[in-house]
Amino acid sequence: MCFLAVKAVINRELSKTFRQRGRLLSSMVRPLIWLLVIGTGVGSMLAGAQQENYLQFLVPGIVAMTLLFAALLSALTLVYDKEFGVMRMMMIAPIAHGWIVVAKLIAATIIALVQAVMLLAILVILGLLDWQTALLMVLPASLTALLCAAMGALIAVWSKTLDNFAVIMNFVIFPVFFLSGALYPVTQLPDLLRYVVLVNPFSYGVDLLKHSVQGAQTDFAISTDLAVVIGFSILAILIACWRFSRESVHEPLFRGGKKG
């Protein structure tokens, strides 16, 4: 029963996303702007081979950014369904409420990974990656997608409205991205910011992707990256499921959306 329910929720989320092909294609605009505009702009201040090296340095960070934005925006459906009543039908299903979070999280992970694979293909076409490196990045991208989806679920289960989710997401997403080593080496940051990077779980997902690129400058050991990415994902999923399973969270859904 749980498997069928989870499968149904995942199919619903994926079908909604893949019907909107324009949305998938437009999702490639943001990372390409960052890579080609920001990367070229900053790289123009560097000389010769350093400019090309900086573009190569940016590639794992831009892939990670795509995963972060895609997964967090996909987590938005959890709040959307709560606010517009769809969640009521899911809540009366004879399954533990935590499975709804798991299904949404799996769908968000898949959607983020699909967008990352599309970006990797574009980067290969542009000559910024070779096929071997792109294939090597798929597994770390999958783990980073799960990490980002877990972060999104954690935000969504505490958000009561779409506006609330948007505010929290904007407050989280930019510090998480900018203070992750995606745009610059962690070792070159001031001490205070370096400590923030160290406690940012997304930093380890970015670094995991860097390990897939030959000659890339990494900040942590691959074992550390795996431990933090997998450990945080499991912890965030457990907390999100626990929070979503609390009866007080769902009372407004069955009182016509009234607060009190």
C-alpha atoms as a PDB file:
ATOM      1  CA  MET A   1       0.000   0.000   0.000  1.00  0.00           C
ATOM      2  CA  CYS A   2       2.783   2.439   0.942  1.00  0.00           C
ATOM      3  CA  PHE A   3       4.702   1.629  -2.228  1.00  0.00           C
ATOM      4  CA  LEU A   4       1.669   2.254  -4.445  1.00  0.00           C
ATOM      5  CA  ALA A   5       0.858   5.520  -2.670  1.00  0.00           C
ATOM      6  CA  VAL A   6       4.439   6.774  -2.924  1.00  0.00           C
ATOM      7  CA  LYS A   7       4.571   5.779  -6.586  1.00  0.00           C
ATOM      8  CA  ALA A   8       1.312   7.623  -7.293  1.00  0.00           C
ATOM      9  CA  VAL A   9       2.556  10.845  -5.675  1.00  0.00           C
ATOM     10  CA  ILE A  10       5.879  10.630  -7.513  1.00  0.00           C
ATOM     11  CA  ASN A  11       4.138  10.034 -10.853  1.00  0.00           C
ATOM     12  CA  ARG A  12       1.873  13.023 -10.216  1.00  0.00           C
ATOM     13  CA  GLU A  13       4.799  15.333  -9.481  1.00  0.00           C
ATOM     14  CA  LEU A  14       6.868  14.138 -12.428  1.00  0.00           C
ATOM     15  CA  SER A  15       3.992  14.311 -14.906  1.00  0.00           C
ATOM     16  CA  LYS A  16       3.247  17.910 -13.864  1.00  0.00           C
ATOM     17  CA  THR A  17       6.869  18.901 -14.386  1.00  0.00           C
ATOM     18  CA  PHE A  18       7.558  17.103 -17.642  1.00  0.00           C
ATOM     19  CA  ARG A  19       4.356  18.390 -19.228  1.00  0.00           C
ATOM     20  CA  GLN A  20       5.844  21.869 -18.823  1.00  0.00           C
ATOM     21  CA  ARG A  21       8.696  21.431 -21.297  1.00  0.00           C
ATOM     22  CA  GLY A  22       9.187  25.171 -21.602  1.00  0.00           C
ATOM     23  CA  ARG A  23       9.850  25.329 -17.876  1.00  0.00           C
ATOM     24  CA  LEU A  24      12.519  22.647 -18.158  1.00  0.00           C
ATOM     25  CA  LEU A  25      14.236  24.429 -21.023  1.00  0.00           C
ATOM     26  CA  SER A  26      14.038  27.824 -19.318  1.00  0.00           C
ATOM     27  CA  SER A  27      15.644  26.313 -16.214  1.00  0.00           C
ATOM     28  CA  MET A  28      18.866  26.130 -18.245  1.00  0.00           C
ATOM     29  CA  VAL A  29      18.984  29.911 -18.671  1.00  0.00           C
ATOM     30  CA  ARG A  30      20.021  30.723 -15.082  1.00  0.00           C
ATOM     31  CA  PRO A  31      23.086  28.440 -14.894  1.00  0.00           C
ATOM     32  CA  LEU A  32      24.255  29.426 -18.373  1.00  0.00           C
ATOM     33  CA  ILE A  33      24.010  33.124 -17.489  1.00  0.00           C
ATOM     34  CA  TRP A  34      26.031  32.524 -14.356  1.00  0.00           C
ATOM     35  CA  LEU A  35      28.605  30.475 -16.206  1.00  0.00           C
ATOM     36  CA  LEU A  36      28.994  32.522 -19.366  1.00  0.00           C
ATOM     37  CA  VAL A  37      28.324  36.024 -18.020  1.00  0.00           C
ATOM     38  CA  ILE A  38      29.558  35.922 -14.427  1.00  0.00           C
ATOM     39  CA  GLY A  39      32.301  33.419 -15.234  1.00  0.00           C
ATOM     40  CA  THR A  40      33.521  35.353 -18.242  1.00  0.00           C
ATOM     41  CA  GLY A  41      33.226  38.673 -16.411  1.00  0.00           C
ATOM     42  CA  VAL A  42      35.262  37.574 -13.419  1.00  0.00           C
ATOM     43  CA  GLY A  43      37.590  35.606 -15.666  1.00  0.00           C
ATOM     44  CA  SER A  44      38.294  38.731 -17.721  1.00  0.00           C
ATOM     45  CA  MET A  45      40.182  40.077 -14.713  1.00  0.00           C
ATOM     46  CA  LEU A  46      42.493  37.083 -14.885  1.00  0.00           C
ATOM     47  CA  ALA A  47      45.224  36.544 -17.408  1.00  0.00           C
ATOM     48  CA  GLY A  48      45.548  33.857 -20.078  1.00  0.00           C
ATOM     49  CA  ALA A  49      45.142  30.318 -18.819  1.00  0.00           C
ATOM     50  CA  GLN A  50      43.741  31.534 -15.484  1.00  0.00           C
ATOM     51  CA  GLN A  51      40.584  32.744 -17.226  1.00  0.00           C
ATOM     52  CA  GLU A  52      39.961  29.296 -18.727  1.00  0.00           C
ATOM     53  CA  ASN A  53      40.821  27.661 -15.404  1.00  0.00           C
ATOM     54  CA  TYR A  54      38.216  29.785 -13.620  1.00  0.00           C
ATOM     55  CA  LEU A  55      35.497  28.708 -16.057  1.00  0.00           C
ATOM     56  CA  GLN A  56      36.456  25.086 -15.393  1.00  0.00           C
ATOM     57  CA  PHE A  57      36.399  25.801 -11.657  1.00  0.00           C
ATOM     58  CA  LEU A  58      32.861  27.197 -11.935  1.00  0.00           C
ATOM     59  CA  VAL A  59      31.392  24.146 -13.670  1.00  0.00           C
ATOM     60  CA  PRO A  60      30.795  21.965 -10.545  1.00  0.00           C
ATOM     61  CA  GLY A  61      29.423  24.967  -8.651  1.00  0.00           C
ATOM     62  CA  ILE A  62      26.998  25.852 -11.439  1.00  0.00           C
ATOM     63  CA  VAL A  63      25.790  22.244 -11.648  1.00  0.00           C
ATOM     64  CA  ALA A  64      25.277  22.301  -7.872  1.00  0.00           C
ATOM     65  CA  MET A  65      23.382  25.590  -8.181  1.00  0.00           C
ATOM     66  CA  THR A  66      21.028  23.995 -10.707  1.00  0.00           C
ATOM     67  CA  LEU A  67      20.371  21.145  -8.281  1.00  0.00           C
ATOM     68  CA  LEU A  68      19.759  23.559  -5.400  1.00  0.00           C
ATOM     69  CA  PHE A  69      17.270  25.801  -7.207  1.00  0.00           C
ATOM     70  CA  ALA A  70      15.449  22.907  -8.889  1.00  0.00           C
ATOM     71  CA  ALA A  71      15.079  20.852  -5.706  1.00  0.00           C
ATOM     72  CA  LEU A  72      13.941  23.761  -3.532  1.00  0.00           C
ATOM     73  CA  LEU A  73      11.400  24.919  -6.108  1.00  0.00           C
ATOM     74  CA  SER A  74      10.099  21.350  -6.443  1.00  0.00           C
ATOM     75  CA  ALA A  75       9.632  21.219  -2.673  1.00  0.00           C
ATOM     76  CA  LEU A  76       7.254  24.138  -3.109  1.00  0.00           C
ATOM     77  CA  THR A  77       4.535  21.678  -4.192  1.00  0.00           C
ATOM     78  CA  LEU A  78       4.312  20.392  -0.605  1.00  0.00           C
ATOM     79  CA  VAL A  79       3.221  23.861   0.527  1.00  0.00           C
ATOM     80  CA  TYR A  80       1.079  24.421  -2.574  1.00  0.00           C
ATOM     81  CA  ASP A  81      -0.892  21.238  -1.948  1.00  0.00           C
ATOM     82  CA  LYS A  82      -1.435  22.205   1.701  1.00  0.00           C
ATOM     83  CA  GLU A  83      -2.658  25.688   0.838  1.00  0.00           C
ATOM     84  CA  PHE A  84      -5.003  24.685  -2.003  1.00  0.00           C
ATOM     85  CA  GLY A  85      -6.587  21.619  -0.440  1.00  0.00           C
ATOM     86  CA  VAL A  86      -4.972  18.832  -2.471  1.00  0.00           C
ATOM     87  CA  MET A  87      -3.174  17.645   0.637  1.00  0.00           C
ATOM     88  CA  ARG A  88      -6.471  16.760   2.328  1.00  0.00           C
ATOM     89  CA  MET A  89      -7.011  13.907  -0.141  1.00  0.00           C
ATOM     90  CA  MET A  90      -3.490  12.627   0.488  1.00  0.00           C
ATOM     91  CA  MET A  91      -3.908  12.854   4.259  1.00  0.00           C
ATOM     92  CA  ILE A  92      -6.948  10.544   4.332  1.00  0.00           C
ATOM     93  CA  ALA A  93      -5.033   7.781   2.526  1.00  0.00           C
ATOM     94  CA  PRO A  94      -4.322   4.771   4.811  1.00  0.00           C
ATOM     95  CA  ILE A  95      -0.561   5.364   4.980  1.00  0.00           C
ATOM     96  CA  ALA A  96       1.759   7.082   7.429  1.00  0.00           C
ATOM     97  CA  HIS A  97       1.913  10.794   6.664  1.00  0.00           C
ATOM     98  CA  GLY A  98       5.692  10.699   6.515  1.00  0.00           C
ATOM     99  CA  TRP A  99       5.503   8.711   3.276  1.00  0.00           C
ATOM    100  CA  ILE A 100       3.985  11.765   1.582  1.00  0.00           C
ATOM    101  CA  VAL A 101       7.131  13.729   2.418  1.00  0.00           C
ATOM    102  CA  VAL A 102       9.304  10.869   1.167  1.00  0.00           C
ATOM    103  CA  ALA A 103       7.399  10.716  -2.130  1.00  0.00           C
ATOM    104  CA  LYS A 104       7.636  14.478  -2.650  1.00  0.00           C
ATOM    105  CA  LEU A 105      11.322  14.374  -1.786  1.00  0.00           C
ATOM    106  CA  ILE A 106      12.050  11.561  -4.269  1.00  0.00           C
ATOM    107  CA  ALA A 107      10.217  13.471  -7.001  1.00  0.00           C
ATOM    108  CA  ALA A 108      12.156  16.673  -6.207  1.00  0.00           C
ATOM    109  CA  THR A 109      15.426  14.705  -6.354  1.00  0.00           C
ATOM    110  CA  ILE A 110      14.565  13.240  -9.765  1.00  0.00           C
ATOM    111  CA  ILE A 111      13.488  16.608 -11.173  1.00  0.00           C
ATOM    112  CA  ALA A 112      16.671  18.294  -9.951  1.00  0.00           C
ATOM    113  CA  LEU A 113      18.820  15.496 -11.352  1.00  0.00           C
ATOM    114  CA  VAL A 114      17.109  15.669 -14.755  1.00  0.00           C
ATOM    115  CA  GLN A 115      17.839  19.394 -14.968  1.00  0.00           C
ATOM    116  CA  ALA A 116      21.461  18.777 -13.936  1.00  0.00           C
ATOM    117  CA  VAL A 117      21.875  16.100 -16.635  1.00  0.00           C
ATOM    118  CA  MET A 118      20.445  18.504 -19.222  1.00  0.00           C
ATOM    119  CA  LEU A 119      22.992  21.110 -18.113  1.00  0.00           C
ATOM    120  CA  LEU A 120      25.835  18.602 -18.266  1.00  0.00           C
ATOM    121  CA  ALA A 121      24.871  17.758 -21.842  1.00  0.00           C
ATOM    122  CA  ILE A 122      24.916  21.455 -22.753  1.00  0.00           C
ATOM    123  CA  LEU A 123      28.326  21.892 -21.096  1.00  0.00           C
ATOM    124  CA  VAL A 124      29.671  18.970 -23.143  1.00  0.00           C
ATOM    125  CA  ILE A 125      28.338  20.569 -26.335  1.00  0.00           C
ATOM    126  CA  LEU A 126      29.965  23.882 -25.358  1.00  0.00           C
ATOM    127  CA  GLY A 127      33.267  22.099 -24.826  1.00  0.00           C
ATOM    128  CA  LEU A 128      33.482  22.912 -21.111  1.00  0.00           C
ATOM    129  CA  LEU A 129      33.245  19.234 -20.156  1.00  0.00           C
ATOM    130  CA  ASP A 130      34.049  15.931 -21.818  1.00  0.00           C
ATOM    131  CA  TRP A 131      31.608  13.030 -21.804  1.00  0.00           C
ATOM    132  CA  GLN A 132      33.658  10.975 -19.352  1.00  0.00           C
ATOM    133  CA  THR A 133      33.674  13.758 -16.768  1.00  0.00           C
ATOM    134  CA  ALA A 134      29.977  14.437 -17.304  1.00  0.00           C
ATOM    135  CA  LEU A 135      29.170  10.779 -16.640  1.00  0.00           C
ATOM    136  CA  LEU A 136      31.359  10.775 -13.535  1.00  0.00           C
ATOM    137  CA  MET A 137      29.387  13.737 -12.189  1.00  0.00           C
ATOM    138  CA  VAL A 138      26.006  11.977 -12.371  1.00  0.00           C
ATOM    139  CA  LEU A 139      26.421   9.980  -9.134  1.00  0.00           C
ATOM    140  CA  PRO A 140      27.647  12.894  -6.973  1.00  0.00           C
ATOM    141  CA  ALA A 141      24.937  15.026  -8.602  1.00  0.00           C
ATOM    142  CA  SER A 142      22.357  12.441  -7.467  1.00  0.00           C
ATOM    143  CA  LEU A 143      23.563  12.629  -3.876  1.00  0.00           C
ATOM    144  CA  THR A 144      23.673  16.429  -3.976  1.00  0.00           C
ATOM    145  CA  ALA A 145      20.153  16.484  -5.455  1.00  0.00           C
ATOM    146  CA  LEU A 146      18.955  14.376  -2.514  1.00  0.00           C
ATOM    147  CA  LEU A 147      20.674  16.772  -0.102  1.00  0.00           C
ATOM    148  CA  CYS A 148      18.993  19.794  -1.725  1.00  0.00           C
ATOM    149  CA  ALA A 149      15.590  18.073  -1.809  1.00  0.00           C
ATOM    150  CA  ALA A 150      15.955  17.232   1.902  1.00  0.00           C
ATOM    151  CA  MET A 151      16.714  20.889   2.624  1.00  0.00           C
ATOM    152  CA  GLY A 152      13.636  21.891   0.618  1.00  0.00           C
ATOM    153  CA  ALA A 153      11.420  19.419   2.476  1.00  0.00           C
ATOM    154  CA  LEU A 154      12.734  20.710   5.783  1.00  0.00           C
ATOM    155  CA  ILE A 155      11.709  24.250   4.820  1.00  0.00           C
ATOM    156  CA  ALA A 156       8.365  23.173   3.364  1.00  0.00           C
ATOM    157  CA  VAL A 157       7.105  21.292   6.428  1.00  0.00           C
ATOM    158  CA  TRP A 158       7.540  24.434   8.537  1.00  0.00           C
ATOM    159  CA  SER A 159       5.919  26.728   5.961  1.00  0.00           C
ATOM    160  CA  LYS A 160       2.191  27.333   6.260  1.00  0.00           C
ATOM    161  CA  THR A 161       1.737  29.416   3.095  1.00  0.00           C
ATOM    162  CA  LEU A 162       3.412  29.935  -0.267  1.00  0.00           C
ATOM    163  CA  ASP A 163       4.469  33.429   0.770  1.00  0.00           C
ATOM    164  CA  ASN A 164       6.023  32.050   3.938  1.00  0.00           C
ATOM    165  CA  PHE A 165       7.937  29.439   1.947  1.00  0.00           C
ATOM    166  CA  ALA A 166       9.179  32.041  -0.548  1.00  0.00           C
ATOM    167  CA  VAL A 167      10.500  34.288   2.215  1.00  0.00           C
ATOM    168  CA  ILE A 168      12.283  31.445   3.988  1.00  0.00           C
ATOM    169  CA  MET A 169      13.653  30.041   0.734  1.00  0.00           C
ATOM    170  CA  ASN A 170      15.103  33.378  -0.354  1.00  0.00           C
ATOM    171  CA  PHE A 171      16.614  33.802   3.090  1.00  0.00           C
ATOM    172  CA  VAL A 172      18.224  30.358   2.834  1.00  0.00           C
ATOM    173  CA  ILE A 173      19.052  29.787  -0.810  1.00  0.00           C
ATOM    174  CA  PHE A 174      21.446  32.657  -1.500  1.00  0.00           C
ATOM    175  CA  PRO A 175      23.605  32.358   1.650  1.00  0.00           C
ATOM    176  CA  VAL A 176      23.687  28.581   1.152  1.00  0.00           C
ATOM    177  CA  PHE A 177      24.872  29.023  -2.444  1.00  0.00           C
ATOM    178  CA  PHE A 178      27.275  31.927  -2.059  1.00  0.00           C
ATOM    179  CA  LEU A 179      28.891  30.485   1.075  1.00  0.00           C
ATOM    180  CA  SER A 180      29.565  27.033  -0.326  1.00  0.00           C
ATOM    181  CA  GLY A 181      32.770  27.350  -2.312  1.00  0.00           C
ATOM    182  CA  ALA A 182      30.817  27.170  -5.587  1.00  0.00           C
ATOM    183  CA  LEU A 183      32.191  30.486  -6.898  1.00  0.00           C
ATOM    184  CA  TYR A 184      35.572  30.676  -5.175  1.00  0.00           C
ATOM    185  CA  PRO A 185      37.935  28.428  -3.187  1.00  0.00           C
ATOM    186  CA  VAL A 186      37.062  28.110   0.477  1.00  0.00           C
ATOM    187  CA  THR A 187      40.709  28.529   1.478  1.00  0.00           C
ATOM    188  CA  GLN A 188      40.727  32.106   0.163  1.00  0.00           C
ATOM    189  CA  LEU A 189      37.799  33.258   2.310  1.00  0.00           C
ATOM    190  CA  PRO A 190      38.194  35.227   5.564  1.00  0.00           C
ATOM    191  CA  ASP A 191      38.157  33.073   8.692  1.00  0.00           C
ATOM    192  CA  LEU A 192      34.600  33.989   9.720  1.00  0.00           C
ATOM    193  CA  LEU A 193      33.129  33.144   6.318  1.00  0.00           C
ATOM    194  CA  ARG A 194      35.208  29.973   6.138  1.00  0.00           C
ATOM    195  CA  TYR A 195      33.572  28.741   9.337  1.00  0.00           C
ATOM    196  CA  VAL A 196      30.146  29.411   7.829  1.00  0.00           C
ATOM    197  CA  VAL A 197      31.131  27.354   4.775  1.00  0.00           C
ATOM    198  CA  LEU A 198      32.204  24.495   7.040  1.00  0.00           C
ATOM    199  CA  VAL A 199      28.771  24.262   8.705  1.00  0.00           C
ATOM    200  CA  ASN A 200      26.921  24.612   5.384  1.00  0.00           C
ATOM    201  CA  PRO A 201      25.972  21.074   4.215  1.00  0.00           C
ATOM    202  CA  PHE A 202      25.637  22.274   0.615  1.00  0.00           C
ATOM    203  CA  SER A 203      29.394  23.033   0.621  1.00  0.00           C
ATOM    204  CA  TYR A 204      30.098  19.321   0.790  1.00  0.00           C
ATOM    205  CA  GLY A 205      27.756  18.583  -2.119  1.00  0.00           C
ATOM    206  CA  VAL A 206      29.605  21.184  -4.205  1.00  0.00           C
ATOM    207  CA  ASP A 207      32.943  19.701  -3.189  1.00  0.00           C
ATOM    208  CA  LEU A 208      31.730  16.198  -4.034  1.00  0.00           C
ATOM    209  CA  LEU A 209      31.025  17.385  -7.576  1.00  0.00           C
ATOM    210  CA  LYS A 210      34.492  18.956  -7.743  1.00  0.00           C
ATOM    211  CA  HIS A 211      36.048  15.566  -7.018  1.00  0.00           C
ATOM    212  CA  SER A 212      34.564  14.334 -10.319  1.00  0.00           C
ATOM    213  CA  VAL A 213      36.416  16.956 -12.358  1.00  0.00           C
ATOM    214  CA  GLN A 214      40.026  16.055 -13.063  1.00  0.00           C
ATOM    215  CA  GLY A 215      42.402  18.655 -11.693  1.00  0.00           C
ATOM    216  CA  ALA A 216      39.680  20.564  -9.833  1.00  0.00           C
ATOM    217  CA  GLN A 217      40.647  22.255  -6.571  1.00  0.00           C
ATOM    218  CA  THR A 218      38.764  20.563  -3.735  1.00  0.00           C
ATOM    219  CA  ASP A 219      38.363  21.685  -0.132  1.00  0.00           C
ATOM    220  CA  PHE A 220      37.510  18.466   1.723  1.00  0.00           C
ATOM    221  CA  ALA A 221      38.265  14.760   1.530  1.00  0.00           C
ATOM    222  CA  ILE A 222      35.771  12.759  -0.490  1.00  0.00           C
ATOM    223  CA  SER A 223      34.992  10.619   2.578  1.00  0.00           C
ATOM    224  CA  THR A 224      34.061  13.798   4.486  1.00  0.00           C
ATOM    225  CA  ASP A 225      31.844  14.950   1.626  1.00  0.00           C
ATOM    226  CA  LEU A 226      30.002  11.631   1.508  1.00  0.00           C
ATOM    227  CA  ALA A 227      29.577  11.465   5.288  1.00  0.00           C
ATOM    228  CA  VAL A 228      28.106  14.974   5.529  1.00  0.00           C
ATOM    229  CA  VAL A 229      25.903  14.764   2.410  1.00  0.00           C
ATOM    230  CA  ILE A 230      24.428  11.369   3.303  1.00  0.00           C
ATOM    231  CA  GLY A 231      24.258  12.062   7.042  1.00  0.00           C
ATOM    232  CA  PHE A 232      22.546  15.442   6.667  1.00  0.00           C
ATOM    233  CA  SER A 233      20.107  14.080   4.075  1.00  0.00           C
ATOM    234  CA  ILE A 234      19.007  11.263   6.382  1.00  0.00           C
ATOM    235  CA  LEU A 235      18.692  13.581   9.377  1.00  0.00           C
ATOM    236  CA  ALA A 236      16.734  16.210   7.411  1.00  0.00           C
ATOM    237  CA  ILE A 237      14.371  13.578   6.003  1.00  0.00           C
ATOM    238  CA  LEU A 238      13.697  12.125   9.457  1.00  0.00           C
ATOM    239  CA  ILE A 239      13.010  15.574  10.933  1.00  0.00           C
ATOM    240  CA  ALA A 240      10.773  16.548   7.996  1.00  0.00           C
ATOM    241  CA  CYS A 241       8.765  13.308   8.292  1.00  0.00           C
ATOM    242  CA  TRP A 242       8.431  13.746  12.063  1.00  0.00           C
ATOM    243  CA  ARG A 243       7.266  17.340  11.703  1.00  0.00           C
ATOM    244  CA  PHE A 244       4.799  16.512   8.931  1.00  0.00           C
ATOM    245  CA  SER A 245       3.354  13.610  10.922  1.00  0.00           C
ATOM    246  CA  ARG A 246       2.365  15.799  13.875  1.00  0.00           C
ATOM    247  CA  GLU A 247      -1.393  16.236  14.145  1.00  0.00           C
ATOM    248  CA  SER A 248      -1.135  19.938  15.007  1.00  0.00           C
ATOM    249  CA  VAL A 249       0.432  20.588  11.605  1.00  0.00           C
ATOM    250  CA  HIS A 250      -2.631  19.269   9.769  1.00  0.00           C
ATOM    251  CA  GLU A 251      -5.483  20.589  11.904  1.00  0.00           C
ATOM    252  CA  PRO A 252      -5.983  23.686   9.687  1.00  0.00           C
ATOM    253  CA  LEU A 253      -6.403  21.435   6.647  1.00  0.00           C
ATOM    254  CA  PHE A 254      -9.535  19.911   8.147  1.00  0.00           C
ATOM    255  CA  ARG A 255     -10.984  23.131   9.547  1.00  0.00           C
ATOM    256  CA  GLY A 256     -11.436  24.897   6.234  1.00  0.00           C
ATOM    257  CA  GLY A 257      -7.957  26.450   6.393  1.00  0.00           C
ATOM    258  CA  LYS A 258      -8.831  28.525   9.486  1.00  0.00           C
ATOM    259  CA  LYS A 259      -6.008  29.339  11.841  1.00  0.00           C
ATOM    260  CA  GLY A 260      -6.287  29.050  15.557  1.00  0.00           C
END
